[in-house]
Amino acid sequence: MLTAHIYKHVPPGVVVNIQVGANKADPYLMPVDHPGNLAARDVHLELYEEEPLYVRSGGSIPFCSLFQKVLGVYTVNFAFALSDEKQHSPNEFFRLHNFERGQKAYCMLLERLGRGE
């Protein structure tokens, strides 16, 4: 389906060769009302004093779908990097205050999950 779409939109004079590799990750989506997401929401509310923004985005974290498929459990994605920090690029960086806030937030999240909140 994606391959057909790409071939359909190839500009004149451009050659496209798509090779499907053996490695892949299945799609993954965690319900917004899952207890893990609710715990993450509570942590964000406590840290920032405002409602978090939920963003559906693509990524390549294959263990999320693997954990769901094999173990039947969801994985909370909980991060503090900002878009201008250029993740996975040659000039990637991470602000220390976000690193420190992330450490605190993870402890808060694990505490809430441990209490079953």
Protein backbone atom coordinates (compact mmCIF):
# COMPACT_ATOMS: atom_id res chain seq x y z
CA MET A 1 0.00 0.00 0.00
CA LEU A 2 2.73 2.49 0.92
CA THR A 3 4.90 1.24 -1.93
CA ALA A 4 2.03 1.78 -4.41
CA HIS A 5 1.50 5.30 -3.10
CA ILE A 6 5.19 6.16 -3.47
CA TYR A 7 5.37 4.80 -7.02
CA LYS A 8 2.19 6.69 -7.93
CA HIS A 9 3.77 10.01 -6.91
CA VAL A 10 7.25 9.66 -8.40
CA PRO A 11 8.10 12.83 -10.33
CA PRO A 12 9.12 12.47 -14.00
CA GLY A 13 12.81 11.70 -14.41
CA VAL A 14 13.15 10.23 -10.90
CA VAL A 15 13.90 6.54 -10.41
CA VAL A 16 12.62 4.91 -7.23
CA ASN A 17 13.72 1.48 -6.08
CA ILE A 18 12.02 0.20 -2.93
CA GLN A 19 13.48 -2.80 -1.17
CA VAL A 20 11.56 -4.22 1.74
CA GLY A 21 13.96 -5.46 4.40
CA ALA A 22 13.52 -8.40 6.73
CA ASN A 23 13.53 -6.22 9.84
CA LYS A 24 10.32 -4.52 10.85
CA ALA A 25 8.23 -3.50 13.82
CA ASP A 26 4.50 -3.91 14.06
CA PRO A 27 2.41 -0.79 14.70
CA TYR A 28 1.74 0.08 18.33
CA LEU A 29 -0.89 2.28 19.95
CA MET A 30 -1.60 2.50 23.68
CA PRO A 31 -5.15 3.51 24.72
CA VAL A 32 -5.20 7.08 26.02
CA ASP A 33 -7.22 5.96 29.08
CA HIS A 34 -4.81 3.15 30.02
CA PRO A 35 -3.74 3.36 33.72
CA GLY A 36 -0.10 3.87 32.66
CA ASN A 37 -1.06 6.88 30.55
CA LEU A 38 -3.22 8.23 33.36
CA ALA A 39 -0.30 7.93 35.80
CA ALA A 40 1.98 9.73 33.30
CA ARG A 41 -0.67 12.45 32.96
CA ASP A 42 -0.79 12.93 36.73
CA VAL A 43 3.00 13.27 36.90
CA HIS A 44 2.95 15.88 34.13
CA LEU A 45 0.16 17.78 35.86
CA GLU A 46 2.15 17.84 39.09
CA LEU A 47 5.38 18.94 37.39
CA TYR A 48 3.99 21.49 34.91
CA GLU A 49 0.63 22.41 36.50
CA GLU A 50 -1.18 22.09 33.19
CA GLU A 51 -2.76 19.36 31.10
CA PRO A 52 -0.24 17.44 28.94
CA LEU A 53 -0.53 17.41 25.18
CA TYR A 54 -1.10 13.93 23.76
CA VAL A 55 0.70 13.40 20.48
CA ARG A 56 0.44 10.39 18.20
CA SER A 57 3.73 10.07 16.42
CA GLY A 58 5.66 7.51 14.50
CA GLY A 59 8.84 6.04 15.81
CA SER A 60 10.95 2.95 15.83
CA ILE A 61 10.65 1.37 19.25
CA PRO A 62 10.01 -2.26 18.25
CA PHE A 63 9.87 -3.62 21.79
CA CYS A 64 6.58 -1.76 22.43
CA SER A 65 4.63 -3.91 19.95
CA LEU A 66 6.67 -6.96 20.96
CA PHE A 67 5.77 -6.54 24.66
CA GLN A 68 2.12 -6.08 23.66
CA LYS A 69 2.10 -9.14 21.41
CA VAL A 70 4.13 -11.54 23.59
CA LEU A 71 3.44 -10.35 27.15
CA GLY A 72 0.06 -8.68 26.64
CA VAL A 73 1.26 -5.47 28.34
CA TYR A 74 1.43 -1.88 27.20
CA THR A 75 4.54 0.29 27.40
CA VAL A 76 4.30 3.90 28.59
CA ASN A 77 6.39 6.24 26.44
CA PHE A 78 7.41 9.06 28.72
CA ALA A 79 10.04 11.53 27.56
CA PHE A 80 11.33 15.04 28.13
CA ALA A 81 13.35 15.86 25.02
CA LEU A 82 12.24 18.87 22.99
CA SER A 83 11.96 18.97 19.21
CA ASP A 84 14.74 21.55 18.83
CA GLU A 85 17.22 19.19 20.52
CA LYS A 86 17.54 17.29 17.24
CA GLN A 87 17.31 13.72 18.57
CA HIS A 88 19.45 11.18 16.71
CA SER A 89 21.21 13.81 14.60
CA PRO A 90 24.93 14.65 14.54
CA ASN A 91 24.29 17.81 16.57
CA GLU A 92 21.90 16.26 19.10
CA PHE A 93 21.84 17.70 22.62
CA PHE A 94 19.71 17.47 25.76
CA ARG A 95 19.09 20.27 28.23
CA LEU A 96 20.28 19.43 31.75
CA HIS A 97 17.15 20.82 33.40
CA ASN A 98 15.03 18.43 31.29
CA PHE A 99 17.37 15.57 32.20
CA GLU A 100 16.95 16.35 35.91
CA ARG A 101 13.19 16.84 35.56
CA GLY A 102 12.98 13.53 33.68
CA GLN A 103 14.77 11.69 36.50
CA LYS A 104 12.34 13.12 39.04
CA ALA A 105 9.36 12.37 36.80
CA TYR A 106 10.38 8.73 36.26
CA CYS A 107 10.64 8.23 40.02
CA MET A 108 7.21 9.80 40.46
CA LEU A 109 5.77 7.62 37.68
CA LEU A 110 7.21 4.40 39.10
CA GLU A 111 5.89 5.33 42.54
CA ARG A 112 2.38 5.89 41.16
CA LEU A 113 2.43 2.70 39.11
CA GLY A 114 3.68 0.75 42.16
CA ARG A 115 0.74 2.05 44.19
CA GLY A 116 -1.64 1.11 41.37
CA GLU A 117 -2.71 4.71 40.73
